[in-house]
C-alpha atoms as a PDB file:
ATOM      1  CA  UNK A   1      -0.012   0.016   0.003  1.00  0.00           C
ATOM      2  CA  UNK A   2       1.356   3.406  -0.944  1.00  0.00           C
ATOM      3  CA  UNK A   3       1.495   5.474   2.197  1.00  0.00           C
ATOM      4  CA  UNK A   4       3.491   8.676   2.690  1.00  0.00           C
ATOM      5  CA  UNK A   5       6.501   8.009   4.922  1.00  0.00           C
ATOM      6  CA  UNK A   6       5.487  10.325   7.741  1.00  0.00           C
ATOM      7  CA  UNK A   7       2.008   8.751   7.817  1.00  0.00           C
ATOM      8  CA  UNK A   8       3.410   5.274   7.784  1.00  0.00           C
ATOM      9  CA  UNK A   9       5.756   6.107  10.681  1.00  0.00           C
ATOM     10  CA  UNK A  10       2.724   7.221  12.688  1.00  0.00           C
ATOM     11  CA  UNK A  11       0.820   4.100  11.765  1.00  0.00           C
ATOM     12  CA  UNK A  12       3.752   1.964  13.009  1.00  0.00           C
ATOM     13  CA  UNK A  13       3.670   3.978  16.242  1.00  0.00           C
ATOM     14  CA  UNK A  14      -0.036   3.173  16.567  1.00  0.00           C
ATOM     15  CA  UNK A  15       0.758  -0.471  16.074  1.00  0.00           C
ATOM     16  CA  UNK A  16       3.524  -0.345  18.697  1.00  0.00           C
ATOM     17  CA  UNK A  17       1.157   1.400  21.134  1.00  0.00           C
ATOM     18  CA  UNK A  18      -1.562  -1.138  20.536  1.00  0.00           C
ATOM     19  CA  UNK A  19       0.904  -3.958  21.011  1.00  0.00           C
ATOM     20  CA  UNK A  20       2.177  -2.407  24.275  1.00  0.00           C
ATOM     21  CA  UNK A  21      -1.381  -2.073  25.575  1.00  0.00           C
ATOM     22  CA  UNK A  22      -2.266  -5.655  24.513  1.00  0.00           C
ATOM     23  CA  UNK A  23      -4.530  -4.975  21.516  1.00  0.00           C
ATOM     24  CA  UNK A  24      -4.629  -5.669  17.801  1.00  0.00           C
ATOM     25  CA  UNK A  25      -5.085  -2.837  15.280  1.00  0.00           C
ATOM     26  CA  UNK A  26      -5.688  -2.802  11.566  1.00  0.00           C
ATOM     27  CA  UNK A  27      -6.422  -0.560   8.603  1.00  0.00           C
ATOM     28  CA  UNK A  28      -9.875  -1.486   7.276  1.00  0.00           C
ATOM     29  CA  UNK A  29     -12.182  -0.339   4.566  1.00  0.00           C
ATOM     30  CA  UNK A  30     -11.599   1.778   1.443  1.00  0.00           C
ATOM     31  CA  UNK A  31      -7.797   2.087   1.668  1.00  0.00           C
ATOM     32  CA  UNK A  32      -7.287  -1.689   1.775  1.00  0.00           C
ATOM     33  CA  UNK A  33      -9.977  -2.285  -0.896  1.00  0.00           C
ATOM     34  CA  UNK A  34      -8.316   0.173  -3.259  1.00  0.00           C
ATOM     35  CA  UNK A  35      -4.853  -1.352  -2.650  1.00  0.00           C
ATOM     36  CA  UNK A  36      -6.108  -4.888  -3.508  1.00  0.00           C
ATOM     37  CA  UNK A  37      -8.060  -3.535  -6.526  1.00  0.00           C
ATOM     38  CA  UNK A  38      -4.886  -1.764  -7.878  1.00  0.00           C
ATOM     39  CA  UNK A  39      -2.840  -4.951  -7.344  1.00  0.00           C
ATOM     40  CA  UNK A  40      -5.260  -7.369  -8.966  1.00  0.00           C
ATOM     41  CA  UNK A  41      -6.334  -5.191 -11.872  1.00  0.00           C
ATOM     42  CA  UNK A  42      -3.094  -3.343 -12.597  1.00  0.00           C
ATOM     43  CA  UNK A  43      -4.717  -0.019 -11.911  1.00  0.00           C
ATOM     44  CA  UNK A  44      -2.773   2.887 -10.504  1.00  0.00           C
ATOM     45  CA  UNK A  45      -4.584   5.623  -8.622  1.00  0.00           C
ATOM     46  CA  UNK A  46      -3.468   8.816  -6.908  1.00  0.00           C
ATOM     47  CA  UNK A  47      -6.855   9.111  -5.218  1.00  0.00           C
ATOM     48  CA  UNK A  48      -6.329  10.262  -1.566  1.00  0.00           C
ATOM     49  CA  UNK A  49      -7.162   7.628   1.019  1.00  0.00           C
ATOM     50  CA  UNK A  50      -9.071   8.016   4.148  1.00  0.00           C
ATOM     51  CA  UNK A  51      -7.639   5.973   6.918  1.00  0.00           C
ATOM     52  CA  UNK A  52     -10.076   3.984   8.942  1.00  0.00           C
ATOM     53  CA  UNK A  53      -8.617   1.737  11.653  1.00  0.00           C
ATOM     54  CA  UNK A  54     -10.180  -1.046  13.667  1.00  0.00           C
ATOM     55  CA  UNK A  55      -8.987  -2.086  17.140  1.00  0.00           C
ATOM     56  CA  UNK A  56     -10.223  -4.923  19.273  1.00  0.00           C
ATOM     57  CA  UNK A  57     -10.956  -2.837  22.315  1.00  0.00           C
ATOM     58  CA  UNK A  58     -12.741   0.430  23.133  1.00  0.00           C
ATOM     59  CA  UNK A  59     -11.255   2.815  20.615  1.00  0.00           C
ATOM     60  CA  UNK A  60     -11.912   5.945  22.603  1.00  0.00           C
ATOM     61  CA  UNK A  61     -10.176   4.548  25.645  1.00  0.00           C
ATOM     62  CA  UNK A  62      -7.312   3.357  23.484  1.00  0.00           C
ATOM     63  CA  UNK A  63      -6.874   6.814  21.891  1.00  0.00           C
ATOM     64  CA  UNK A  64      -6.498   8.477  25.279  1.00  0.00           C
ATOM     65  CA  UNK A  65      -4.018   5.795  26.531  1.00  0.00           C
ATOM     66  CA  UNK A  66      -2.089   5.957  23.247  1.00  0.00           C
ATOM     67  CA  UNK A  67      -1.903   9.784  23.469  1.00  0.00           C
ATOM     68  CA  UNK A  68       0.160   9.490  26.705  1.00  0.00           C
ATOM     69  CA  UNK A  69       2.181   6.539  25.304  1.00  0.00           C
ATOM     70  CA  UNK A  70       3.028   8.426  22.134  1.00  0.00           C
ATOM     71  CA  UNK A  71       4.100  11.601  24.019  1.00  0.00           C
ATOM     72  CA  UNK A  72       6.193   9.608  26.464  1.00  0.00           C
ATOM     73  CA  UNK A  73       7.932   7.646  23.740  1.00  0.00           C
ATOM     74  CA  UNK A  74       8.542  10.533  21.344  1.00  0.00           C
ATOM     75  CA  UNK A  75      11.866  12.392  21.615  1.00  0.00           C
ATOM     76  CA  UNK A  76      10.165  15.759  20.878  1.00  0.00           C
ATOM     77  CA  UNK A  77       7.249  14.907  23.252  1.00  0.00           C
ATOM     78  CA  UNK A  78       4.735  15.981  20.575  1.00  0.00           C
ATOM     79  CA  UNK A  79       1.311  14.471  20.445  1.00  0.00           C
ATOM     80  CA  UNK A  80      -1.898  14.406  18.378  1.00  0.00           C
ATOM     81  CA  UNK A  81      -5.349  15.737  19.019  1.00  0.00           C
ATOM     82  CA  UNK A  82      -8.480  13.803  19.720  1.00  0.00           C
ATOM     83  CA  UNK A  83     -10.887  15.662  17.460  1.00  0.00           C
ATOM     84  CA  UNK A  84     -14.204  13.829  17.945  1.00  0.00           C
ATOM     85  CA  UNK A  85     -15.514  11.017  20.106  1.00  0.00           C
ATOM     86  CA  UNK A  86     -18.642   9.063  19.159  1.00  0.00           C
ATOM     87  CA  UNK A  87     -19.628   7.128  22.306  1.00  0.00           C
ATOM     88  CA  UNK A  88     -22.780   5.756  20.648  1.00  0.00           C
ATOM     89  CA  UNK A  89     -20.686   3.901  18.061  1.00  0.00           C
ATOM     90  CA  UNK A  90     -17.386   3.417  19.885  1.00  0.00           C
ATOM     91  CA  UNK A  91     -15.358   5.465  17.346  1.00  0.00           C
ATOM     92  CA  UNK A  92     -12.850   8.284  17.708  1.00  0.00           C
ATOM     93  CA  UNK A  93     -11.228  10.650  15.210  1.00  0.00           C
ATOM     94  CA  UNK A  94      -7.652  11.826  15.664  1.00  0.00           C
ATOM     95  CA  UNK A  95      -5.196  13.812  13.543  1.00  0.00           C
ATOM     96  CA  UNK A  96      -1.645  13.101  12.531  1.00  0.00           C
ATOM     97  CA  UNK A  97       0.618  14.955  14.991  1.00  0.00           C
ATOM     98  CA  UNK A  98       2.586  16.699  12.197  1.00  0.00           C
ATOM     99  CA  UNK A  99       0.021  16.736   9.394  1.00  0.00           C
ATOM    100  CA  UNK A 100      -3.377  18.357  10.025  1.00  0.00           C
ATOM    101  CA  UNK A 101      -4.710  17.177   6.631  1.00  0.00           C
ATOM    102  CA  UNK A 102      -4.355  13.508   7.694  1.00  0.00           C
ATOM    103  CA  UNK A 103      -7.403  12.437   9.774  1.00  0.00           C
ATOM    104  CA  UNK A 104      -7.611   8.931  11.161  1.00  0.00           C
ATOM    105  CA  UNK A 105     -10.804   7.344  12.516  1.00  0.00           C
ATOM    106  CA  UNK A 106     -10.409   4.437  14.889  1.00  0.00           C
ATOM    107  CA  UNK A 107     -13.370   2.124  15.449  1.00  0.00           C
ATOM    108  CA  UNK A 108     -13.932  -0.402  18.236  1.00  0.00           C
ATOM    109  CA  UNK A 109     -14.716  -3.908  17.148  1.00  0.00           C
ATOM    110  CA  UNK A 110     -18.464  -4.215  17.677  1.00  0.00           C
ATOM    111  CA  UNK A 111     -21.695  -5.940  16.813  1.00  0.00           C
ATOM    112  CA  UNK A 112     -24.885  -4.140  15.738  1.00  0.00           C
ATOM    113  CA  UNK A 113     -28.628  -4.764  16.043  1.00  0.00           C
ATOM    114  CA  UNK A 114     -31.121  -2.704  14.034  1.00  0.00           C
ATOM    115  CA  UNK A 115     -34.394  -2.590  16.028  1.00  0.00           C
ATOM    116  CA  UNK A 116     -36.271  -1.083  13.025  1.00  0.00           C
ATOM    117  CA  UNK A 117     -35.370  -0.715   9.366  1.00  0.00           C
ATOM    118  CA  UNK A 118     -33.214   2.342   8.653  1.00  0.00           C
ATOM    119  CA  UNK A 119     -32.707   3.058  12.398  1.00  0.00           C
ATOM    120  CA  UNK A 120     -29.246   3.763  13.741  1.00  0.00           C
ATOM    121  CA  UNK A 121     -27.950   0.447  15.179  1.00  0.00           C
ATOM    122  CA  UNK A 122     -27.636  -0.494  18.827  1.00  0.00           C
ATOM    123  CA  UNK A 123     -23.974  -1.153  19.290  1.00  0.00           C
ATOM    124  CA  UNK A 124     -22.232  -3.631  21.553  1.00  0.00           C
ATOM    125  CA  UNK A 125     -18.517  -3.637  21.815  1.00  0.00           C
ATOM    126  CA  UNK A 126     -16.839  -7.010  21.290  1.00  0.00           C
ATOM    127  CA  UNK A 127     -13.267  -8.166  21.396  1.00  0.00           C
ATOM    128  CA  UNK A 128     -13.269 -10.260  18.247  1.00  0.00           C
ATOM    129  CA  UNK A 129     -12.143  -8.868  14.881  1.00  0.00           C
ATOM    130  CA  UNK A 130     -13.996 -11.695  13.097  1.00  0.00           C
ATOM    131  CA  UNK A 131     -17.290 -10.864  14.871  1.00  0.00           C
ATOM    132  CA  UNK A 132     -17.043  -7.213  13.749  1.00  0.00           C
ATOM    133  CA  UNK A 133     -16.493  -7.682  10.023  1.00  0.00           C
ATOM    134  CA  UNK A 134     -19.885  -9.129   8.880  1.00  0.00           C
ATOM    135  CA  UNK A 135     -21.677  -6.050  10.290  1.00  0.00           C
ATOM    136  CA  UNK A 136     -20.104  -4.017   7.461  1.00  0.00           C
ATOM    137  CA  UNK A 137     -21.703  -3.188   4.156  1.00  0.00           C
ATOM    138  CA  UNK A 138     -19.864  -5.240   1.557  1.00  0.00           C
ATOM    139  CA  UNK A 139     -17.225  -7.953   1.602  1.00  0.00           C
ATOM    140  CA  UNK A 140     -14.805  -5.722  -0.414  1.00  0.00           C
ATOM    141  CA  UNK A 141     -14.911  -3.220   2.440  1.00  0.00           C
ATOM    142  CA  UNK A 142     -14.084  -5.724   5.155  1.00  0.00           C
ATOM    143  CA  UNK A 143     -10.462  -6.443   4.322  1.00  0.00           C
ATOM    144  CA  UNK A 144      -7.764  -5.705   6.864  1.00  0.00           C
ATOM    145  CA  UNK A 145      -4.130  -4.600   6.773  1.00  0.00           C
ATOM    146  CA  UNK A 146      -2.270  -5.346   9.994  1.00  0.00           C
ATOM    147  CA  UNK A 147      -0.427  -2.587  11.913  1.00  0.00           C
ATOM    148  CA  UNK A 148       0.749  -4.997  14.508  1.00  0.00           C
ATOM    149  CA  UNK A 149       4.454  -5.438  15.043  1.00  0.00           C
ATOM    150  CA  UNK A 150       4.657  -9.119  14.272  1.00  0.00           C
ATOM    151  CA  UNK A 151       2.730  -9.021  10.937  1.00  0.00           C
ATOM    152  CA  UNK A 152       2.819  -5.350   9.894  1.00  0.00           C
ATOM    153  CA  UNK A 153       1.492  -4.864   6.398  1.00  0.00           C
ATOM    154  CA  UNK A 154      -0.060  -8.302   6.095  1.00  0.00           C
ATOM    155  CA  UNK A 155      -3.441  -8.316   4.303  1.00  0.00           C
ATOM    156  CA  UNK A 156      -6.048 -10.373   6.143  1.00  0.00           C
ATOM    157  CA  UNK A 157      -9.262 -11.623   4.538  1.00  0.00           C
ATOM    158  CA  UNK A 158     -11.811 -13.354   6.700  1.00  0.00           C
ATOM    159  CA  UNK A 159     -14.750 -12.675   4.378  1.00  0.00           C
ATOM    160  CA  UNK A 160     -13.785 -13.596   0.799  1.00  0.00           C
ATOM    161  CA  UNK A 161     -13.328  -9.957  -0.115  1.00  0.00           C
ATOM    162  CA  UNK A 162     -10.217 -10.552  -2.228  1.00  0.00           C
ATOM    163  CA  UNK A 163     -12.071 -13.091  -4.315  1.00  0.00           C
ATOM    164  CA  UNK A 164     -14.903 -10.672  -4.836  1.00  0.00           C
ATOM    165  CA  UNK A 165     -12.428  -7.943  -6.002  1.00  0.00           C
ATOM    166  CA  UNK A 166     -10.852 -10.388  -8.318  1.00  0.00           C
ATOM    167  CA  UNK A 167     -14.270 -11.264  -9.763  1.00  0.00           C
ATOM    168  CA  UNK A 168     -15.423  -7.659  -9.709  1.00  0.00           C
ATOM    169  CA  UNK A 169     -18.380  -8.272  -7.437  1.00  0.00           C
ATOM    170  CA  UNK A 170     -20.256  -6.189  -4.854  1.00  0.00           C
ATOM    171  CA  UNK A 171     -21.657  -8.579  -2.230  1.00  0.00           C
ATOM    172  CA  UNK A 172     -23.497  -7.963   1.055  1.00  0.00           C
ATOM    173  CA  UNK A 173     -23.133 -10.260   4.036  1.00  0.00           C
ATOM    174  CA  UNK A 174     -26.715 -11.064   4.951  1.00  0.00           C
ATOM    175  CA  UNK A 175     -30.305 -10.879   3.666  1.00  0.00           C
ATOM    176  CA  UNK A 176     -31.367  -7.932   5.775  1.00  0.00           C
ATOM    177  CA  UNK A 177     -28.437  -5.675   4.860  1.00  0.00           C
ATOM    178  CA  UNK A 178     -30.418  -3.277   2.654  1.00  0.00           C
ATOM    179  CA  UNK A 179     -33.304  -3.212   5.095  1.00  0.00           C
ATOM    180  CA  UNK A 180     -31.139  -2.485   8.118  1.00  0.00           C
ATOM    181  CA  UNK A 181     -29.416   0.281   6.226  1.00  0.00           C
ATOM    182  CA  UNK A 182     -31.134   1.137   2.910  1.00  0.00           C
ATOM    183  CA  UNK A 183     -28.515   3.775   2.103  1.00  0.00           C
ATOM    184  CA  UNK A 184     -26.361   0.770   1.183  1.00  0.00           C
ATOM    185  CA  UNK A 185     -28.429   0.560  -1.988  1.00  0.00           C
ATOM    186  CA  UNK A 186     -26.876   3.790  -3.299  1.00  0.00           C
ATOM    187  CA  UNK A 187     -23.486   2.752  -1.972  1.00  0.00           C
ATOM    188  CA  UNK A 188     -23.698  -0.552  -3.852  1.00  0.00           C
ATOM    189  CA  UNK A 189     -24.407   1.317  -7.070  1.00  0.00           C
ATOM    190  CA  UNK A 190     -21.548   3.727  -6.409  1.00  0.00           C
ATOM    191  CA  UNK A 191     -19.134   0.740  -5.886  1.00  0.00           C
ATOM    192  CA  UNK A 192     -20.437  -0.867  -9.071  1.00  0.00           C
ATOM    193  CA  UNK A 193     -19.936   2.305 -11.144  1.00  0.00           C
ATOM    194  CA  UNK A 194     -16.673   3.506  -9.572  1.00  0.00           C
ATOM    195  CA  UNK A 195     -14.826   0.183 -10.144  1.00  0.00           C
ATOM    196  CA  UNK A 196     -16.796  -1.188 -13.148  1.00  0.00           C
ATOM    197  CA  UNK A 197     -17.992  -4.072 -10.928  1.00  0.00           C
ATOM    198  CA  UNK A 198     -21.262  -6.084 -11.019  1.00  0.00           C
ATOM    199  CA  UNK A 199     -23.621  -6.428  -8.114  1.00  0.00           C
ATOM    200  CA  UNK A 200     -23.567 -10.093  -7.174  1.00  0.00           C
ATOM    201  CA  UNK A 201     -26.764 -11.968  -8.211  1.00  0.00           C
ATOM    202  CA  UNK A 202     -28.242 -12.568  -4.766  1.00  0.00           C
ATOM    203  CA  UNK A 203     -27.218  -9.117  -3.574  1.00  0.00           C
ATOM    204  CA  UNK A 204     -29.010  -7.654  -6.559  1.00  0.00           C
ATOM    205  CA  UNK A 205     -32.160  -9.616  -5.692  1.00  0.00           C
ATOM    206  CA  UNK A 206     -31.974  -8.225  -2.117  1.00  0.00           C
ATOM    207  CA  UNK A 207     -31.429  -4.670  -3.445  1.00  0.00           C
ATOM    208  CA  UNK A 208     -34.396  -4.988  -5.780  1.00  0.00           C
ATOM    209  CA  UNK A 209     -36.689  -6.261  -3.010  1.00  0.00           C
ATOM    210  CA  UNK A 210     -35.677  -3.393  -0.715  1.00  0.00           C
ATOM    211  CA  UNK A 211     -36.335  -0.787  -3.439  1.00  0.00           C
ATOM    212  CA  UNK A 212     -39.769  -2.220  -4.060  1.00  0.00           C
ATOM    213  CA  UNK A 213     -40.579  -2.649  -0.385  1.00  0.00           C
ATOM    214  CA  UNK A 214     -43.806  -0.729   0.520  1.00  0.00           C
ATOM    215  CA  UNK A 215     -41.936   1.038   3.365  1.00  0.00           C
ATOM    216  CA  UNK A 216     -39.054   2.205   1.270  1.00  0.00           C
ATOM    217  CA  UNK A 217     -40.226   5.810   1.098  1.00  0.00           C
ATOM    218  CA  UNK A 218     -40.457   6.027   4.868  1.00  0.00           C
ATOM    219  CA  UNK A 219     -36.977   4.514   5.142  1.00  0.00           C
ATOM    220  CA  UNK A 220     -35.695   7.156   2.698  1.00  0.00           C
ATOM    221  CA  UNK A 221     -37.208   9.957   4.812  1.00  0.00           C
ATOM    222  CA  UNK A 222     -35.688   8.539   7.974  1.00  0.00           C
ATOM    223  CA  UNK A 223     -32.199   8.496   6.488  1.00  0.00           C
ATOM    224  CA  UNK A 224     -32.584  11.268   3.904  1.00  0.00           C
ATOM    225  CA  UNK A 225     -29.392  13.113   4.842  1.00  0.00           C
ATOM    226  CA  UNK A 226     -27.300   9.998   4.323  1.00  0.00           C
ATOM    227  CA  UNK A 227     -29.039   9.215   1.021  1.00  0.00           C
ATOM    228  CA  UNK A 228     -28.146  12.739  -0.150  1.00  0.00           C
ATOM    229  CA  UNK A 229     -24.517  12.197   0.782  1.00  0.00           C
ATOM    230  CA  UNK A 230     -24.426   8.886  -1.105  1.00  0.00           C
ATOM    231  CA  UNK A 231     -26.118  10.452  -4.135  1.00  0.00           C
ATOM    232  CA  UNK A 232     -23.541  13.276  -4.110  1.00  0.00           C
ATOM    233  CA  UNK A 233     -20.710  10.646  -4.000  1.00  0.00           C
ATOM    234  CA  UNK A 234     -22.216   9.089  -7.149  1.00  0.00           C
ATOM    235  CA  UNK A 235     -22.433  12.539  -8.782  1.00  0.00           C
ATOM    236  CA  UNK A 236     -18.771  13.084  -8.139  1.00  0.00           C
ATOM    237  CA  UNK A 237     -17.961  10.166 -10.421  1.00  0.00           C
ATOM    238  CA  UNK A 238     -18.860  12.275 -13.449  1.00  0.00           C
ATOM    239  CA  UNK A 239     -21.719  12.857 -15.831  1.00  0.00           C
ATOM    240  CA  UNK A 240     -21.501   9.506 -17.627  1.00  0.00           C
ATOM    241  CA  UNK A 241     -21.601   7.383 -14.441  1.00  0.00           C
ATOM    242  CA  UNK A 242     -24.263   9.552 -12.900  1.00  0.00           C
ATOM    243  CA  UNK A 243     -26.420   8.898 -15.945  1.00  0.00           C
ATOM    244  CA  UNK A 244     -25.778   5.184 -15.589  1.00  0.00           C
ATOM    245  CA  UNK A 245     -26.976   5.414 -11.985  1.00  0.00           C
ATOM    246  CA  UNK A 246     -30.197   7.143 -13.147  1.00  0.00           C
ATOM    247  CA  UNK A 247     -30.719   4.436 -15.765  1.00  0.00           C
ATOM    248  CA  UNK A 248     -30.099   1.721 -13.170  1.00  0.00           C
ATOM    249  CA  UNK A 249     -32.726   3.069 -10.785  1.00  0.00           C
ATOM    250  CA  UNK A 250     -35.195   3.787 -13.648  1.00  0.00           C
ATOM    251  CA  UNK A 251     -35.279   0.075 -14.213  1.00  0.00           C
ATOM    252  CA  UNK A 252     -36.741  -0.326 -10.760  1.00  0.00           C
ATOM    253  CA  UNK A 253     -39.087   2.655 -11.109  1.00  0.00           C
ATOM    254  CA  UNK A 254     -37.156   4.478  -8.419  1.00  0.00           C
ATOM    255  CA  UNK A 255     -37.080   8.327  -8.536  1.00  0.00           C
ATOM    256  CA  UNK A 256     -33.250   8.642  -8.089  1.00  0.00           C
END
């Protein structure tokens, strides 16, 4: 994975801090997905990468403990800022100590229960990396790159995500995925268009059923702000792909 040296140094420090405190920490999500995509399909990209990390403990507690560890173990005694804490979801956002443009979000490993369709989930923190991964949207977004000292840089795939990238497929983990979070419908289409993938057959059946569900309009209203964000992300792909998105949804009589 192409990471600027000063950012990689900080990631190694995060790995060392997690190791010292007895935890495992990984890069997860888009940065790993794009790395594997570029490797498998000989595609080079200069697209900036968000850095989402996953740690098998309470991420907020870890960030505070690591802040002290980092300052104590840094010759210049510099540190980073904790920018935002999201207690409801067990996530925390920090900045790189020497690069304010580099933002890093650290998530706790967790399980989620959706009491009603399109609700925000009820989160329970867990200690297992493997338990966390299937709560994510697609298999291609659940790949890990280790920051731990013993296996730094190793790509870990518990979910068949590499095979799906190889076969250019967008695949959900379970049959209620688009009902729990219907904004994943727009996200699936964005993944399909951005990477020239196909939506896996069963996943497409689930997506179609969710779009045609009699309660879809109420789900849309409940999560409208997130739908707008996802739609804007599709728009950013350019006029041609935005038109393809409109054509896709027209097939399902959806007013995109």
